[in-house]
Amino acid sequence: MSRSSTKKREQVALFAAAILVAIGGIIYELILGAAASYLVGDSILSFSLATGVTLFGMGIGSLLV
């Protein structure tokens, strides 16, 4: 196996992992917003809170890494 094919395979695996994590984050945010709408009652406020909490968590996570 040549170096270029190994590097290409690693790049594809990294890209696929990034896509899966991004899709998981979007699904998590939608579930969080739907669950918050039961507690808050207002869907706009609940999805705004879910987006804010998600972005806050991403910011804290970036500081830890």
PDB file of N, CA and C in Angstrom:
ATOM      1  N   MET A   1       0.851  -1.174   0.000  1.00  0.00           N
ATOM      2  CA  MET A   1       0.000   0.000   0.000  1.00  0.00           C
ATOM      3  C   MET A   1       0.899   1.241   0.000  1.00  0.00           C
ATOM      4  N   SER A   2       0.649   2.158  -0.892  1.00  0.00           N
ATOM      5  CA  SER A   2       1.496   3.340  -0.998  1.00  0.00           C
ATOM      6  C   SER A   2       1.102   4.387   0.040  1.00  0.00           C
ATOM      7  N   ARG A   3       2.003   5.339   0.214  1.00  0.00           N
ATOM      8  CA  ARG A   3       1.765   6.407   1.181  1.00  0.00           C
ATOM      9  C   ARG A   3       0.582   7.276   0.806  1.00  0.00           C
ATOM     10  N   SER A   4       0.427   7.561  -0.471  1.00  0.00           N
ATOM     11  CA  SER A   4      -0.654   8.452  -0.897  1.00  0.00           C
ATOM     12  C   SER A   4      -2.027   7.815  -0.687  1.00  0.00           C
ATOM     13  N   SER A   5      -2.130   6.507  -0.907  1.00  0.00           N
ATOM     14  CA  SER A   5      -3.425   5.855  -0.687  1.00  0.00           C
ATOM     15  C   SER A   5      -3.748   5.770   0.802  1.00  0.00           C
ATOM     16  N   THR A   6      -2.722   5.586   1.641  1.00  0.00           N
ATOM     17  CA  THR A   6      -2.946   5.570   3.086  1.00  0.00           C
ATOM     18  C   THR A   6      -3.384   6.941   3.573  1.00  0.00           C
ATOM     19  N   LYS A   7      -2.727   7.985   3.069  1.00  0.00           N
ATOM     20  CA  LYS A   7      -3.085   9.346   3.462  1.00  0.00           C
ATOM     21  C   LYS A   7      -4.497   9.688   2.990  1.00  0.00           C
ATOM     22  N   LYS A   8      -4.840   9.281   1.786  1.00  0.00           N
ATOM     23  CA  LYS A   8      -6.179   9.534   1.248  1.00  0.00           C
ATOM     24  C   LYS A   8      -7.231   8.827   2.101  1.00  0.00           C
ATOM     25  N   ARG A   9      -6.948   7.593   2.496  1.00  0.00           N
ATOM     26  CA  ARG A   9      -7.881   6.831   3.320  1.00  0.00           C
ATOM     27  C   ARG A   9      -8.064   7.491   4.690  1.00  0.00           C
ATOM     28  N   GLU A  10      -6.979   8.015   5.264  1.00  0.00           N
ATOM     29  CA  GLU A  10      -7.072   8.714   6.546  1.00  0.00           C
ATOM     30  C   GLU A  10      -7.897   9.990   6.417  1.00  0.00           C
ATOM     31  N   GLN A  11      -7.733  10.711   5.314  1.00  0.00           N
ATOM     32  CA  GLN A  11      -8.499  11.935   5.094  1.00  0.00           C
ATOM     33  C   GLN A  11      -9.985  11.638   4.952  1.00  0.00           C
ATOM     34  N   VAL A  12     -10.318  10.582   4.245  1.00  0.00           N
ATOM     35  CA  VAL A  12     -11.723  10.200   4.077  1.00  0.00           C
ATOM     36  C   VAL A  12     -12.315   9.787   5.423  1.00  0.00           C
ATOM     37  N   ALA A  13     -11.562   9.043   6.226  1.00  0.00           N
ATOM     38  CA  ALA A  13     -12.047   8.620   7.542  1.00  0.00           C
ATOM     39  C   ALA A  13     -12.260   9.823   8.457  1.00  0.00           C
ATOM     40  N   LEU A  14     -11.354  10.785   8.413  1.00  0.00           N
ATOM     41  CA  LEU A  14     -11.492  11.989   9.228  1.00  0.00           C
ATOM     42  C   LEU A  14     -12.700  12.810   8.795  1.00  0.00           C
ATOM     43  N   PHE A  15     -12.905  12.945   7.504  1.00  0.00           N
ATOM     44  CA  PHE A  15     -14.054  13.677   6.979  1.00  0.00           C
ATOM     45  C   PHE A  15     -15.362  12.994   7.372  1.00  0.00           C
ATOM     46  N   ALA A  16     -15.402  11.672   7.270  1.00  0.00           N
ATOM     47  CA  ALA A  16     -16.608  10.926   7.646  1.00  0.00           C
ATOM     48  C   ALA A  16     -16.898  11.074   9.137  1.00  0.00           C
ATOM     49  N   ALA A  17     -15.856  11.055   9.967  1.00  0.00           N
ATOM     50  CA  ALA A  17     -16.049  11.232  11.406  1.00  0.00           C
ATOM     51  C   ALA A  17     -16.572  12.630  11.719  1.00  0.00           C
ATOM     52  N   ALA A  18     -16.058  13.638  11.028  1.00  0.00           N
ATOM     53  CA  ALA A  18     -16.530  15.010  11.244  1.00  0.00           C
ATOM     54  C   ALA A  18     -17.989  15.161  10.842  1.00  0.00           C
ATOM     55  N   ILE A  19     -18.379  14.542   9.747  1.00  0.00           N
ATOM     56  CA  ILE A  19     -19.776  14.599   9.299  1.00  0.00           C
ATOM     57  C   ILE A  19     -20.689  13.916  10.320  1.00  0.00           C
ATOM     58  N   LEU A  20     -20.283  12.753  10.820  1.00  0.00           N
ATOM     59  CA  LEU A  20     -21.097  12.038  11.805  1.00  0.00           C
ATOM     60  C   LEU A  20     -21.255  12.834  13.099  1.00  0.00           C
ATOM     61  N   VAL A  21     -20.187  13.473  13.549  1.00  0.00           N
ATOM     62  CA  VAL A  21     -20.263  14.285  14.765  1.00  0.00           C
ATOM     63  C   VAL A  21     -21.162  15.494  14.546  1.00  0.00           C
ATOM     64  N   ALA A  22     -21.081  16.123  13.379  1.00  0.00           N
ATOM     65  CA  ALA A  22     -21.928  17.281  13.077  1.00  0.00           C
ATOM     66  C   ALA A  22     -23.403  16.893  13.029  1.00  0.00           C
ATOM     67  N   ILE A  23     -23.711  15.781  12.400  1.00  0.00           N
ATOM     68  CA  ILE A  23     -25.099  15.316  12.333  1.00  0.00           C
ATOM     69  C   ILE A  23     -25.607  14.969  13.734  1.00  0.00           C
ATOM     70  N   GLY A  24     -24.770  14.336  14.527  1.00  0.00           N
ATOM     71  CA  GLY A  24     -25.155  14.021  15.903  1.00  0.00           C
ATOM     72  C   GLY A  24     -25.421  15.270  16.726  1.00  0.00           C
ATOM     73  N   GLY A  25     -24.624  16.310  16.523  1.00  0.00           N
ATOM     74  CA  GLY A  25     -24.835  17.571  17.229  1.00  0.00           C
ATOM     75  C   GLY A  25     -26.142  18.236  16.850  1.00  0.00           C
ATOM     76  N   ILE A  26     -26.477  18.192  15.570  1.00  0.00           N
ATOM     77  CA  ILE A  26     -27.741  18.781  15.111  1.00  0.00           C
ATOM     78  C   ILE A  26     -28.926  18.005  15.690  1.00  0.00           C
ATOM     79  N   ILE A  27     -28.835  16.685  15.686  1.00  0.00           N
ATOM     80  CA  ILE A  27     -29.915  15.867  16.244  1.00  0.00           C
ATOM     81  C   ILE A  27     -30.060  16.130  17.739  1.00  0.00           C
ATOM     82  N   TYR A  28     -28.933  16.229  18.442  1.00  0.00           N
ATOM     83  CA  TYR A  28     -28.961  16.509  19.879  1.00  0.00           C
ATOM     84  C   TYR A  28     -29.619  17.858  20.154  1.00  0.00           C
ATOM     85  N   GLU A  29     -29.301  18.858  19.358  1.00  0.00           N
ATOM     86  CA  GLU A  29     -29.874  20.187  19.549  1.00  0.00           C
ATOM     87  C   GLU A  29     -31.383  20.182  19.298  1.00  0.00           C
ATOM     88  N   LEU A  30     -31.833  19.457  18.293  1.00  0.00           N
ATOM     89  CA  LEU A  30     -33.272  19.369  18.028  1.00  0.00           C
ATOM     90  C   LEU A  30     -34.013  18.640  19.149  1.00  0.00           C
ATOM     91  N   ILE A  31     -33.425  17.582  19.667  1.00  0.00           N
ATOM     92  CA  ILE A  31     -34.044  16.859  20.780  1.00  0.00           C
ATOM     93  C   ILE A  31     -34.085  17.741  22.023  1.00  0.00           C
ATOM     94  N   LEU A  32     -33.009  18.470  22.283  1.00  0.00           N
ATOM     95  CA  LEU A  32     -32.966  19.370  23.432  1.00  0.00           C
ATOM     96  C   LEU A  32     -34.022  20.466  23.305  1.00  0.00           C
ATOM     97  N   GLY A  33     -34.194  21.009  22.104  1.00  0.00           N
ATOM     98  CA  GLY A  33     -35.216  22.035  21.885  1.00  0.00           C
ATOM     99  C   GLY A  33     -36.619  21.496  22.058  1.00  0.00           C
ATOM    100  N   ALA A  34     -36.867  20.292  21.579  1.00  0.00           N
ATOM    101  CA  ALA A  34     -38.195  19.691  21.727  1.00  0.00           C
ATOM    102  C   ALA A  34     -38.499  19.387  23.191  1.00  0.00           C
ATOM    103  N   ALA A  35     -37.506  18.903  23.921  1.00  0.00           N
ATOM    104  CA  ALA A  35     -37.716  18.621  25.343  1.00  0.00           C
ATOM    105  C   ALA A  35     -37.919  19.911  26.131  1.00  0.00           C
ATOM    106  N   ALA A  36     -37.202  20.956  25.765  1.00  0.00           N
ATOM    107  CA  ALA A  36     -37.348  22.236  26.464  1.00  0.00           C
ATOM    108  C   ALA A  36     -38.693  22.880  26.179  1.00  0.00           C
ATOM    109  N   SER A  37     -39.284  22.600  25.032  1.00  0.00           N
ATOM    110  CA  SER A  37     -40.588  23.194  24.724  1.00  0.00           C
ATOM    111  C   SER A  37     -41.673  22.662  25.655  1.00  0.00           C
ATOM    112  N   TYR A  38     -41.500  21.453  26.168  1.00  0.00           N
ATOM    113  CA  TYR A  38     -42.445  20.932  27.153  1.00  0.00           C
ATOM    114  C   TYR A  38     -42.300  21.667  28.485  1.00  0.00           C
ATOM    115  N   LEU A  39     -41.064  22.024  28.839  1.00  0.00           N
ATOM    116  CA  LEU A  39     -40.827  22.695  30.115  1.00  0.00           C
ATOM    117  C   LEU A  39     -41.161  24.183  30.053  1.00  0.00           C
ATOM    118  N   VAL A  40     -40.729  24.851  28.988  1.00  0.00           N
ATOM    119  CA  VAL A  40     -40.900  26.295  28.868  1.00  0.00           C
ATOM    120  C   VAL A  40     -42.277  26.628  28.324  1.00  0.00           C
ATOM    121  N   GLY A  41     -42.742  25.870  27.360  1.00  0.00           N
ATOM    122  CA  GLY A  41     -44.048  26.106  26.761  1.00  0.00           C
ATOM    123  C   GLY A  41     -43.987  26.874  25.458  1.00  0.00           C
ATOM    124  N   ASP A  42     -43.048  27.776  25.330  1.00  0.00           N
ATOM    125  CA  ASP A  42     -42.904  28.572  24.113  1.00  0.00           C
ATOM    126  C   ASP A  42     -41.823  27.937  23.243  1.00  0.00           C
ATOM    127  N   SER A  43     -42.174  27.580  22.016  1.00  0.00           N
ATOM    128  CA  SER A  43     -41.218  26.860  21.174  1.00  0.00           C
ATOM    129  C   SER A  43     -40.059  27.750  20.731  1.00  0.00           C
ATOM    130  N   ILE A  44     -40.319  29.029  20.474  1.00  0.00           N
ATOM    131  CA  ILE A  44     -39.236  29.921  20.046  1.00  0.00           C
ATOM    132  C   ILE A  44     -38.229  30.096  21.171  1.00  0.00           C
ATOM    133  N   LEU A  45     -38.712  30.311  22.372  1.00  0.00           N
ATOM    134  CA  LEU A  45     -37.821  30.460  23.521  1.00  0.00           C
ATOM    135  C   LEU A  45     -37.056  29.169  23.791  1.00  0.00           C
ATOM    136  N   SER A  46     -37.723  28.038  23.680  1.00  0.00           N
ATOM    137  CA  SER A  46     -37.055  26.770  23.980  1.00  0.00           C
ATOM    138  C   SER A  46     -35.966  26.450  22.964  1.00  0.00           C
ATOM    139  N   PHE A  47     -36.225  26.703  21.683  1.00  0.00           N
ATOM    140  CA  PHE A  47     -35.188  26.433  20.687  1.00  0.00           C
ATOM    141  C   PHE A  47     -34.063  27.460  20.772  1.00  0.00           C
ATOM    142  N   SER A  48     -34.375  28.685  21.189  1.00  0.00           N
ATOM    143  CA  SER A  48     -33.322  29.676  21.414  1.00  0.00           C
ATOM    144  C   SER A  48     -32.439  29.261  22.580  1.00  0.00           C
ATOM    145  N   LEU A  49     -33.056  28.778  23.643  1.00  0.00           N
ATOM    146  CA  LEU A  49     -32.283  28.279  24.781  1.00  0.00           C
ATOM    147  C   LEU A  49     -31.442  27.064  24.395  1.00  0.00           C
ATOM    148  N   ALA A  50     -32.016  26.166  23.623  1.00  0.00           N
ATOM    149  CA  ALA A  50     -31.279  24.970  23.197  1.00  0.00           C
ATOM    150  C   ALA A  50     -30.075  25.351  22.344  1.00  0.00           C
ATOM    151  N   THR A  51     -30.266  26.310  21.441  1.00  0.00           N
ATOM    152  CA  THR A  51     -29.154  26.763  20.605  1.00  0.00           C
ATOM    153  C   THR A  51     -28.088  27.448  21.451  1.00  0.00           C
ATOM    154  N   GLY A  52     -28.516  28.277  22.387  1.00  0.00           N
ATOM    155  CA  GLY A  52     -27.566  28.961  23.264  1.00  0.00           C
ATOM    156  C   GLY A  52     -26.771  28.007  24.131  1.00  0.00           C
ATOM    157  N   VAL A  53     -27.451  27.024  24.695  1.00  0.00           N
ATOM    158  CA  VAL A  53     -26.765  26.040  25.538  1.00  0.00           C
ATOM    159  C   VAL A  53     -25.793  25.207  24.707  1.00  0.00           C
ATOM    160  N   THR A  54     -26.193  24.847  23.506  1.00  0.00           N
ATOM    161  CA  THR A  54     -25.314  24.068  22.630  1.00  0.00           C
ATOM    162  C   THR A  54     -24.067  24.862  22.257  1.00  0.00           C
ATOM    163  N   LEU A  55     -24.247  26.120  21.873  1.00  0.00           N
ATOM    164  CA  LEU A  55     -23.095  26.954  21.518  1.00  0.00           C
ATOM    165  C   LEU A  55     -22.204  27.220  22.726  1.00  0.00           C
ATOM    166  N   PHE A  56     -22.803  27.407  23.894  1.00  0.00           N
ATOM    167  CA  PHE A  56     -22.024  27.586  25.117  1.00  0.00           C
ATOM    168  C   PHE A  56     -21.190  26.343  25.409  1.00  0.00           C
ATOM    169  N   GLY A  57     -21.799  25.179  25.274  1.00  0.00           N
ATOM    170  CA  GLY A  57     -21.070  23.932  25.490  1.00  0.00           C
ATOM    171  C   GLY A  57     -19.937  23.733  24.498  1.00  0.00           C
ATOM    172  N   MET A  58     -20.171  24.137  23.249  1.00  0.00           N
ATOM    173  CA  MET A  58     -19.104  24.037  22.247  1.00  0.00           C
ATOM    174  C   MET A  58     -17.958  24.983  22.588  1.00  0.00           C
ATOM    175  N   GLY A  59     -18.288  26.167  23.094  1.00  0.00           N
ATOM    176  CA  GLY A  59     -17.250  27.118  23.488  1.00  0.00           C
ATOM    177  C   GLY A  59     -16.431  26.620  24.662  1.00  0.00           C
ATOM    178  N   ILE A  60     -17.100  26.072  25.664  1.00  0.00           N
ATOM    179  CA  ILE A  60     -16.390  25.513  26.819  1.00  0.00           C
ATOM    180  C   ILE A  60     -15.530  24.328  26.387  1.00  0.00           C
ATOM    181  N   GLY A  61     -16.072  23.502  25.514  1.00  0.00           N
ATOM    182  CA  GLY A  61     -15.306  22.358  25.019  1.00  0.00           C
ATOM    183  C   GLY A  61     -14.064  22.771  24.248  1.00  0.00           C
ATOM    184  N   SER A  62     -14.167  23.865  23.500  1.00  0.00           N
ATOM    185  CA  SER A  62     -12.995  24.320  22.743  1.00  0.00           C
ATOM    186  C   SER A  62     -11.926  24.881  23.669  1.00  0.00           C
ATOM    187  N   LEU A  63     -12.323  25.424  24.814  1.00  0.00           N
ATOM    188  CA  LEU A  63     -11.338  25.903  25.780  1.00  0.00           C
ATOM    189  C   LEU A  63     -10.614  24.749  26.465  1.00  0.00           C
ATOM    190  N   LEU A  64     -11.300  23.639  26.633  1.00  0.00           N
ATOM    191  CA  LEU A  64     -10.708  22.492  27.321  1.00  0.00           C
ATOM    192  C   LEU A  64      -9.733  21.716  26.449  1.00  0.00           C
ATOM    193  N   VAL A  65      -9.888  21.830  25.147  1.00  0.00           N
ATOM    194  CA  VAL A  65      -9.040  21.045  24.239  1.00  0.00           C
ATOM    195  C   VAL A  65      -7.784  21.747  23.927  1.00  0.00           C
TER     196      VAL A  65
END
